[in-house]
Amino acid sequence: MFFKFLLFAFVGYWIFKGVFRYFFGNMIKQAQQQQQQFRQQQSQASRQKTRPAGGNVDVEMNAQKKKPRKSSENYKGGEYVDYEEVK
């Protein structure tokens, strides 16, 4: 009885696997090819954007005042808030 169950389970799995590959194999391959083409297009577009025109590169730097970092040395303390405990 147990042997028949294992046999049917194995054969059923094998058939299901074959049917699944037959129906969905081409769809998966096409999706992978489209994804690969999309990645190639994206990499080509990013390469074109990073190339400077004529070999000249202009660098602009904004001179902004740096804000001091918050640290324990600069901390002056906060405001004390009185509270009541609710039971």
PDB file of N, CA and C in Angstrom:
ATOM      1  N   MET A   1       0.823  -1.185   0.000  1.00  0.00           N
ATOM      2  CA  MET A   1       0.000   0.000   0.000  1.00  0.00           C
ATOM      3  C   MET A   1       0.875   1.261   0.000  1.00  0.00           C
ATOM      4  N   PHE A   2       1.847   1.302   0.898  1.00  0.00           N
ATOM      5  CA  PHE A   2       2.743   2.452   0.985  1.00  0.00           C
ATOM      6  C   PHE A   2       3.595   2.566  -0.273  1.00  0.00           C
ATOM      7  N   PHE A   3       3.988   1.405  -0.810  1.00  0.00           N
ATOM      8  CA  PHE A   3       4.783   1.390  -2.027  1.00  0.00           C
ATOM      9  C   PHE A   3       3.996   1.980  -3.200  1.00  0.00           C
ATOM     10  N   LYS A   4       2.704   1.656  -3.297  1.00  0.00           N
ATOM     11  CA  LYS A   4       1.862   2.205  -4.361  1.00  0.00           C
ATOM     12  C   LYS A   4       1.760   3.731  -4.228  1.00  0.00           C
ATOM     13  N   PHE A   5       1.612   4.195  -3.007  1.00  0.00           N
ATOM     14  CA  PHE A   5       1.523   5.646  -2.765  1.00  0.00           C
ATOM     15  C   PHE A   5       2.807   6.340  -3.221  1.00  0.00           C
ATOM     16  N   LEU A   6       3.958   5.779  -2.849  1.00  0.00           N
ATOM     17  CA  LEU A   6       5.221   6.377  -3.271  1.00  0.00           C
ATOM     18  C   LEU A   6       5.380   6.346  -4.792  1.00  0.00           C
ATOM     19  N   LEU A   7       4.953   5.254  -5.408  1.00  0.00           N
ATOM     20  CA  LEU A   7       5.036   5.139  -6.854  1.00  0.00           C
ATOM     21  C   LEU A   7       4.162   6.182  -7.535  1.00  0.00           C
ATOM     22  N   PHE A   8       2.905   6.323  -7.087  1.00  0.00           N
ATOM     23  CA  PHE A   8       2.008   7.316  -7.668  1.00  0.00           C
ATOM     24  C   PHE A   8       2.499   8.740  -7.402  1.00  0.00           C
ATOM     25  N   ALA A   9       3.041   8.977  -6.235  1.00  0.00           N
ATOM     26  CA  ALA A   9       3.555  10.310  -5.913  1.00  0.00           C
ATOM     27  C   ALA A   9       4.737  10.649  -6.825  1.00  0.00           C
ATOM     28  N   PHE A  10       5.616   9.695  -7.010  1.00  0.00           N
ATOM     29  CA  PHE A  10       6.785   9.931  -7.869  1.00  0.00           C
ATOM     30  C   PHE A  10       6.361  10.148  -9.318  1.00  0.00           C
ATOM     31  N   VAL A  11       5.482   9.310  -9.828  1.00  0.00           N
ATOM     32  CA  VAL A  11       5.022   9.433 -11.217  1.00  0.00           C
ATOM     33  C   VAL A  11       4.227  10.722 -11.386  1.00  0.00           C
ATOM     34  N   GLY A  12       3.382  11.052 -10.433  1.00  0.00           N
ATOM     35  CA  GLY A  12       2.609  12.289 -10.506  1.00  0.00           C
ATOM     36  C   GLY A  12       3.509  13.513 -10.505  1.00  0.00           C
ATOM     37  N   TYR A  13       4.513  13.512  -9.656  1.00  0.00           N
ATOM     38  CA  TYR A  13       5.464  14.622  -9.614  1.00  0.00           C
ATOM     39  C   TYR A  13       6.197  14.745 -10.940  1.00  0.00           C
ATOM     40  N   TRP A  14       6.615  13.627 -11.491  1.00  0.00           N
ATOM     41  CA  TRP A  14       7.343  13.626 -12.752  1.00  0.00           C
ATOM     42  C   TRP A  14       6.479  14.169 -13.898  1.00  0.00           C
ATOM     43  N   ILE A  15       5.216  13.749 -13.932  1.00  0.00           N
ATOM     44  CA  ILE A  15       4.293  14.228 -14.969  1.00  0.00           C
ATOM     45  C   ILE A  15       4.009  15.715 -14.783  1.00  0.00           C
ATOM     46  N   PHE A  16       3.752  16.126 -13.552  1.00  0.00           N
ATOM     47  CA  PHE A  16       3.472  17.534 -13.269  1.00  0.00           C
ATOM     48  C   PHE A  16       4.660  18.412 -13.665  1.00  0.00           C
ATOM     49  N   LYS A  17       5.850  17.963 -13.367  1.00  0.00           N
ATOM     50  CA  LYS A  17       7.064  18.700 -13.701  1.00  0.00           C
ATOM     51  C   LYS A  17       7.190  18.850 -15.219  1.00  0.00           C
ATOM     52  N   GLY A  18       6.921  17.784 -15.961  1.00  0.00           N
ATOM     53  CA  GLY A  18       6.998  17.844 -17.422  1.00  0.00           C
ATOM     54  C   GLY A  18       5.952  18.770 -18.021  1.00  0.00           C
ATOM     55  N   VAL A  19       4.733  18.700 -17.509  1.00  0.00           N
ATOM     56  CA  VAL A  19       3.658  19.558 -18.010  1.00  0.00           C
ATOM     57  C   VAL A  19       3.962  21.023 -17.689  1.00  0.00           C
ATOM     58  N   PHE A  20       4.442  21.274 -16.498  1.00  0.00           N
ATOM     59  CA  PHE A  20       4.774  22.634 -16.095  1.00  0.00           C
ATOM     60  C   PHE A  20       5.862  23.221 -16.993  1.00  0.00           C
ATOM     61  N   ARG A  21       6.893  22.425 -17.263  1.00  0.00           N
ATOM     62  CA  ARG A  21       7.969  22.892 -18.142  1.00  0.00           C
ATOM     63  C   ARG A  21       7.455  23.137 -19.551  1.00  0.00           C
ATOM     64  N   TYR A  22       6.560  22.293 -20.020  1.00  0.00           N
ATOM     65  CA  TYR A  22       6.040  22.434 -21.384  1.00  0.00           C
ATOM     66  C   TYR A  22       5.251  23.726 -21.526  1.00  0.00           C
ATOM     67  N   PHE A  23       4.369  24.012 -20.567  1.00  0.00           N
ATOM     68  CA  PHE A  23       3.504  25.187 -20.681  1.00  0.00           C
ATOM     69  C   PHE A  23       4.202  26.487 -20.283  1.00  0.00           C
ATOM     70  N   PHE A  24       5.036  26.454 -19.273  1.00  0.00           N
ATOM     71  CA  PHE A  24       5.595  27.683 -18.737  1.00  0.00           C
ATOM     72  C   PHE A  24       7.074  27.881 -19.068  1.00  0.00           C
ATOM     73  N   GLY A  25       7.713  26.916 -19.678  1.00  0.00           N
ATOM     74  CA  GLY A  25       9.132  27.030 -19.992  1.00  0.00           C
ATOM     75  C   GLY A  25       9.429  28.162 -20.952  1.00  0.00           C
ATOM     76  N   ASN A  26       8.636  28.262 -22.017  1.00  0.00           N
ATOM     77  CA  ASN A  26       8.856  29.321 -22.996  1.00  0.00           C
ATOM     78  C   ASN A  26       8.577  30.694 -22.402  1.00  0.00           C
ATOM     79  N   MET A  27       7.576  30.788 -21.560  1.00  0.00           N
ATOM     80  CA  MET A  27       7.258  32.071 -20.938  1.00  0.00           C
ATOM     81  C   MET A  27       8.401  32.533 -20.045  1.00  0.00           C
ATOM     82  N   ILE A  28       8.989  31.614 -19.311  1.00  0.00           N
ATOM     83  CA  ILE A  28      10.093  31.958 -18.414  1.00  0.00           C
ATOM     84  C   ILE A  28      11.319  32.379 -19.224  1.00  0.00           C
ATOM     85  N   LYS A  29      11.601  31.673 -20.308  1.00  0.00           N
ATOM     86  CA  LYS A  29      12.745  32.029 -21.153  1.00  0.00           C
ATOM     87  C   LYS A  29      12.562  33.413 -21.767  1.00  0.00           C
ATOM     88  N   GLN A  30      11.362  33.715 -22.239  1.00  0.00           N
ATOM     89  CA  GLN A  30      11.100  35.022 -22.832  1.00  0.00           C
ATOM     90  C   GLN A  30      11.240  36.129 -21.788  1.00  0.00           C
ATOM     91  N   ALA A  31      10.754  35.895 -20.591  1.00  0.00           N
ATOM     92  CA  ALA A  31      10.864  36.894 -19.533  1.00  0.00           C
ATOM     93  C   ALA A  31      12.332  37.142 -19.180  1.00  0.00           C
ATOM     94  N   GLN A  32      13.128  36.087 -19.141  1.00  0.00           N
ATOM     95  CA  GLN A  32      14.546  36.242 -18.846  1.00  0.00           C
ATOM     96  C   GLN A  32      15.251  37.018 -19.954  1.00  0.00           C
ATOM     97  N   GLN A  33      14.895  36.753 -21.206  1.00  0.00           N
ATOM     98  CA  GLN A  33      15.510  37.472 -22.317  1.00  0.00           C
ATOM     99  C   GLN A  33      15.130  38.952 -22.288  1.00  0.00           C
ATOM    100  N   GLN A  34      13.870  39.247 -21.976  1.00  0.00           N
ATOM    101  CA  GLN A  34      13.436  40.640 -21.892  1.00  0.00           C
ATOM    102  C   GLN A  34      14.153  41.358 -20.757  1.00  0.00           C
ATOM    103  N   GLN A  35      14.324  40.692 -19.654  1.00  0.00           N
ATOM    104  CA  GLN A  35      15.018  41.298 -18.520  1.00  0.00           C
ATOM    105  C   GLN A  35      16.485  41.563 -18.872  1.00  0.00           C
ATOM    106  N   GLN A  36      17.114  40.641 -19.560  1.00  0.00           N
ATOM    107  CA  GLN A  36      18.504  40.820 -19.970  1.00  0.00           C
ATOM    108  C   GLN A  36      18.623  41.991 -20.946  1.00  0.00           C
ATOM    109  N   GLN A  37      17.700  42.108 -21.893  1.00  0.00           N
ATOM    110  CA  GLN A  37      17.729  43.220 -22.833  1.00  0.00           C
ATOM    111  C   GLN A  37      17.520  44.545 -22.103  1.00  0.00           C
ATOM    112  N   PHE A  38      16.625  44.565 -21.138  1.00  0.00           N
ATOM    113  CA  PHE A  38      16.374  45.775 -20.368  1.00  0.00           C
ATOM    114  C   PHE A  38      17.619  46.194 -19.598  1.00  0.00           C
ATOM    115  N   ARG A  39      18.303  45.238 -18.998  1.00  0.00           N
ATOM    116  CA  ARG A  39      19.536  45.551 -18.266  1.00  0.00           C
ATOM    117  C   ARG A  39      20.612  46.095 -19.202  1.00  0.00           C
ATOM    118  N   GLN A  40      20.718  45.538 -20.401  1.00  0.00           N
ATOM    119  CA  GLN A  40      21.695  46.024 -21.362  1.00  0.00           C
ATOM    120  C   GLN A  40      21.368  47.452 -21.787  1.00  0.00           C
ATOM    121  N   GLN A  41      20.089  47.741 -21.996  1.00  0.00           N
ATOM    122  CA  GLN A  41      19.685  49.093 -22.371  1.00  0.00           C
ATOM    123  C   GLN A  41      19.983  50.071 -21.242  1.00  0.00           C
ATOM    124  N   GLN A  42      19.737  49.662 -20.015  1.00  0.00           N
ATOM    125  CA  GLN A  42      19.998  50.533 -18.874  1.00  0.00           C
ATOM    126  C   GLN A  42      21.488  50.803 -18.726  1.00  0.00           C
ATOM    127  N   SER A  43      22.316  49.785 -18.913  1.00  0.00           N
ATOM    128  CA  SER A  43      23.760  49.986 -18.770  1.00  0.00           C
ATOM    129  C   SER A  43      24.289  50.873 -19.888  1.00  0.00           C
ATOM    130  N   GLN A  44      23.753  50.731 -21.103  1.00  0.00           N
ATOM    131  CA  GLN A  44      24.175  51.595 -22.200  1.00  0.00           C
ATOM    132  C   GLN A  44      23.755  53.033 -21.945  1.00  0.00           C
ATOM    133  N   ALA A  45      22.558  53.225 -21.423  1.00  0.00           N
ATOM    134  CA  ALA A  45      22.072  54.576 -21.131  1.00  0.00           C
ATOM    135  C   ALA A  45      22.898  55.215 -20.022  1.00  0.00           C
ATOM    136  N   SER A  46      23.268  54.443 -19.008  1.00  0.00           N
ATOM    137  CA  SER A  46      24.063  55.013 -17.920  1.00  0.00           C
ATOM    138  C   SER A  46      25.474  55.347 -18.394  1.00  0.00           C
ATOM    139  N   ARG A  47      26.016  54.544 -19.303  1.00  0.00           N
ATOM    140  CA  ARG A  47      27.348  54.841 -19.839  1.00  0.00           C
ATOM    141  C   ARG A  47      27.332  56.115 -20.672  1.00  0.00           C
ATOM    142  N   GLN A  48      26.257  56.352 -21.409  1.00  0.00           N
ATOM    143  CA  GLN A  48      26.159  57.543 -22.234  1.00  0.00           C
ATOM    144  C   GLN A  48      26.012  58.795 -21.373  1.00  0.00           C
ATOM    145  N   LYS A  49      25.340  58.697 -20.265  1.00  0.00           N
ATOM    146  CA  LYS A  49      25.136  59.841 -19.387  1.00  0.00           C
ATOM    147  C   LYS A  49      26.431  60.257 -18.698  1.00  0.00           C
ATOM    148  N   THR A  50      27.290  59.309 -18.379  1.00  0.00           N
ATOM    149  CA  THR A  50      28.489  59.622 -17.611  1.00  0.00           C
ATOM    150  C   THR A  50      29.634  60.125 -18.489  1.00  0.00           C
ATOM    151  N   ARG A  51      29.530  59.985 -19.777  1.00  0.00           N
ATOM    152  CA  ARG A  51      30.595  60.444 -20.659  1.00  0.00           C
ATOM    153  C   ARG A  51      30.497  61.965 -20.825  1.00  0.00           C
ATOM    154  N   PRO A  52      31.563  62.667 -20.533  1.00  0.00           N
ATOM    155  CA  PRO A  52      31.536  64.112 -20.749  1.00  0.00           C
ATOM    156  C   PRO A  52      31.677  64.442 -22.231  1.00  0.00           C
ATOM    157  N   ALA A  53      31.020  65.505 -22.666  1.00  0.00           N
ATOM    158  CA  ALA A  53      31.079  65.908 -24.067  1.00  0.00           C
ATOM    159  C   ALA A  53      32.411  66.584 -24.336  1.00  0.00           C
ATOM    160  N   GLY A  54      33.148  66.101 -25.288  1.00  0.00           N
ATOM    161  CA  GLY A  54      34.411  66.706 -25.670  1.00  0.00           C
ATOM    162  C   GLY A  54      35.541  66.447 -24.697  1.00  0.00           C
ATOM    163  N   GLY A  55      35.341  65.650 -23.705  1.00  0.00           N
ATOM    164  CA  GLY A  55      36.391  65.331 -22.756  1.00  0.00           C
ATOM    165  C   GLY A  55      36.565  66.353 -21.648  1.00  0.00           C
ATOM    166  N   ASN A  56      35.770  67.416 -21.644  1.00  0.00           N
ATOM    167  CA  ASN A  56      35.874  68.430 -20.593  1.00  0.00           C
ATOM    168  C   ASN A  56      34.902  68.113 -19.468  1.00  0.00           C
ATOM    169  N   VAL A  57      35.371  68.282 -18.274  1.00  0.00           N
ATOM    170  CA  VAL A  57      34.534  68.020 -17.112  1.00  0.00           C
ATOM    171  C   VAL A  57      34.473  69.285 -16.277  1.00  0.00           C
ATOM    172  N   ASP A  58      33.271  69.751 -15.993  1.00  0.00           N
ATOM    173  CA  ASP A  58      33.086  70.917 -15.140  1.00  0.00           C
ATOM    174  C   ASP A  58      32.616  70.447 -13.776  1.00  0.00           C
ATOM    175  N   VAL A  59      33.290  70.947 -12.753  1.00  0.00           N
ATOM    176  CA  VAL A  59      32.928  70.582 -11.400  1.00  0.00           C
ATOM    177  C   VAL A  59      32.492  71.841 -10.668  1.00  0.00           C
ATOM    178  N   GLU A  60      31.282  71.815 -10.157  1.00  0.00           N
ATOM    179  CA  GLU A  60      30.775  72.954  -9.400  1.00  0.00           C
ATOM    180  C   GLU A  60      30.634  72.532  -7.950  1.00  0.00           C
ATOM    181  N   MET A  61      31.148  73.385  -7.083  1.00  0.00           N
ATOM    182  CA  MET A  61      31.043  73.084  -5.659  1.00  0.00           C
ATOM    183  C   MET A  61      30.280  74.212  -4.991  1.00  0.00           C
ATOM    184  N   ASN A  62      29.327  73.866  -4.190  1.00  0.00           N
ATOM    185  CA  ASN A  62      28.578  74.863  -3.443  1.00  0.00           C
ATOM    186  C   ASN A  62      29.299  75.131  -2.136  1.00  0.00           C
ATOM    187  N   ALA A  63      29.612  76.398  -1.903  1.00  0.00           N
ATOM    188  CA  ALA A  63      30.279  76.768  -0.657  1.00  0.00           C
ATOM    189  C   ALA A  63      29.195  77.040   0.384  1.00  0.00           C
ATOM    190  N   GLN A  64      28.912  76.047   1.153  1.00  0.00           N
ATOM    191  CA  GLN A  64      27.905  76.180   2.203  1.00  0.00           C
ATOM    192  C   GLN A  64      28.595  76.078   3.542  1.00  0.00           C
ATOM    193  N   LYS A  65      28.022  76.798   4.505  1.00  0.00           N
ATOM    194  CA  LYS A  65      28.566  76.729   5.844  1.00  0.00           C
ATOM    195  C   LYS A  65      28.232  75.366   6.431  1.00  0.00           C
ATOM    196  N   LYS A  66      29.224  74.774   7.012  1.00  0.00           N
ATOM    197  CA  LYS A  66      28.999  73.474   7.622  1.00  0.00           C
ATOM    198  C   LYS A  66      28.350  73.673   8.984  1.00  0.00           C
ATOM    199  N   LYS A  67      27.320  72.939   9.212  1.00  0.00           N
ATOM    200  CA  LYS A  67      26.643  73.004  10.501  1.00  0.00           C
ATOM    201  C   LYS A  67      27.422  72.153  11.494  1.00  0.00           C
ATOM    202  N   PRO A  68      27.557  72.657  12.708  1.00  0.00           N
ATOM    203  CA  PRO A  68      28.274  71.847  13.700  1.00  0.00           C
ATOM    204  C   PRO A  68      27.479  70.592  14.027  1.00  0.00           C
ATOM    205  N   ARG A  69      28.181  69.525  14.204  1.00  0.00           N
ATOM    206  CA  ARG A  69      27.529  68.263  14.529  1.00  0.00           C
ATOM    207  C   ARG A  69      27.018  68.293  15.952  1.00  0.00           C
ATOM    208  N   LYS A  70      25.928  67.639  16.139  1.00  0.00           N
ATOM    209  CA  LYS A  70      25.378  67.552  17.490  1.00  0.00           C
ATOM    210  C   LYS A  70      26.177  66.518  18.265  1.00  0.00           C
ATOM    211  N   SER A  71      26.765  66.956  19.315  1.00  0.00           N
ATOM    212  CA  SER A  71      27.519  66.034  20.144  1.00  0.00           C
ATOM    213  C   SER A  71      27.276  66.399  21.598  1.00  0.00           C
ATOM    214  N   SER A  72      27.805  65.634  22.469  1.00  0.00           N
ATOM    215  CA  SER A  72      27.607  65.886  23.892  1.00  0.00           C
ATOM    216  C   SER A  72      28.303  67.166  24.329  1.00  0.00           C
ATOM    217  N   GLU A  73      29.321  67.598  23.614  1.00  0.00           N
ATOM    218  CA  GLU A  73      30.028  68.828  23.959  1.00  0.00           C
ATOM    219  C   GLU A  73      29.168  70.056  23.673  1.00  0.00           C
ATOM    220  N   ASN A  74      28.392  70.029  22.586  1.00  0.00           N
ATOM    221  CA  ASN A  74      27.575  71.170  22.191  1.00  0.00           C
ATOM    222  C   ASN A  74      26.189  71.142  22.826  1.00  0.00           C
ATOM    223  N   TYR A  75      25.835  70.077  23.498  1.00  0.00           N
ATOM    224  CA  TYR A  75      24.497  69.934  24.055  1.00  0.00           C
ATOM    225  C   TYR A  75      24.360  70.803  25.299  1.00  0.00           C
ATOM    226  N   LYS A  76      23.407  71.717  25.287  1.00  0.00           N
ATOM    227  CA  LYS A  76      23.210  72.647  26.396  1.00  0.00           C
ATOM    228  C   LYS A  76      22.102  72.191  27.321  1.00  0.00           C
ATOM    229  N   GLY A  77      21.430  71.152  26.984  1.00  0.00           N
ATOM    230  CA  GLY A  77      20.357  70.652  27.832  1.00  0.00           C
ATOM    231  C   GLY A  77      19.004  71.010  27.254  1.00  0.00           C
ATOM    232  N   GLY A  78      18.006  70.325  27.730  1.00  0.00           N
ATOM    233  CA  GLY A  78      16.672  70.566  27.228  1.00  0.00           C
ATOM    234  C   GLY A  78      15.794  71.192  28.290  1.00  0.00           C
ATOM    235  N   GLU A  79      14.563  71.359  27.944  1.00  0.00           N
ATOM    236  CA  GLU A  79      13.608  71.962  28.863  1.00  0.00           C
ATOM    237  C   GLU A  79      12.987  70.855  29.708  1.00  0.00           C
ATOM    238  N   TYR A  80      12.874  71.119  31.011  1.00  0.00           N
ATOM    239  CA  TYR A  80      12.287  70.132  31.904  1.00  0.00           C
ATOM    240  C   TYR A  80      10.774  70.211  31.797  1.00  0.00           C
ATOM    241  N   VAL A  81      10.127  69.067  31.627  1.00  0.00           N
ATOM    242  CA  VAL A  81       8.663  69.018  31.519  1.00  0.00           C
ATOM    243  C   VAL A  81       8.156  68.225  32.717  1.00  0.00           C
ATOM    244  N   ASP A  82       7.342  68.901  33.520  1.00  0.00           N
ATOM    245  CA  ASP A  82       6.752  68.256  34.682  1.00  0.00           C
ATOM    246  C   ASP A  82       5.580  67.400  34.213  1.00  0.00           C
ATOM    247  N   TYR A  83       5.417  66.239  34.824  1.00  0.00           N
ATOM    248  CA  TYR A  83       4.339  65.361  34.410  1.00  0.00           C
ATOM    249  C   TYR A  83       3.725  64.725  35.645  1.00  0.00           C
ATOM    250  N   GLU A  84       2.507  64.235  35.471  1.00  0.00           N
ATOM    251  CA  GLU A  84       1.820  63.518  36.529  1.00  0.00           C
ATOM    252  C   GLU A  84       1.619  62.087  36.060  1.00  0.00           C
ATOM    253  N   GLU A  85       1.803  61.181  36.982  1.00  0.00           N
ATOM    254  CA  GLU A  85       1.642  59.786  36.657  1.00  0.00           C
ATOM    255  C   GLU A  85       0.170  59.431  36.785  1.00  0.00           C
ATOM    256  N   VAL A  86      -0.389  58.825  35.759  1.00  0.00           N
ATOM    257  CA  VAL A  86      -1.797  58.443  35.743  1.00  0.00           C
ATOM    258  C   VAL A  86      -1.899  56.956  36.029  1.00  0.00           C
ATOM    259  N   LYS A  87      -2.757  56.628  36.997  1.00  0.00           N
ATOM    260  CA  LYS A  87      -2.927  55.213  37.354  1.00  0.00           C
ATOM    261  C   LYS A  87      -4.247  54.685  36.903  1.00  0.00           C
TER     262      LYS A  87
END
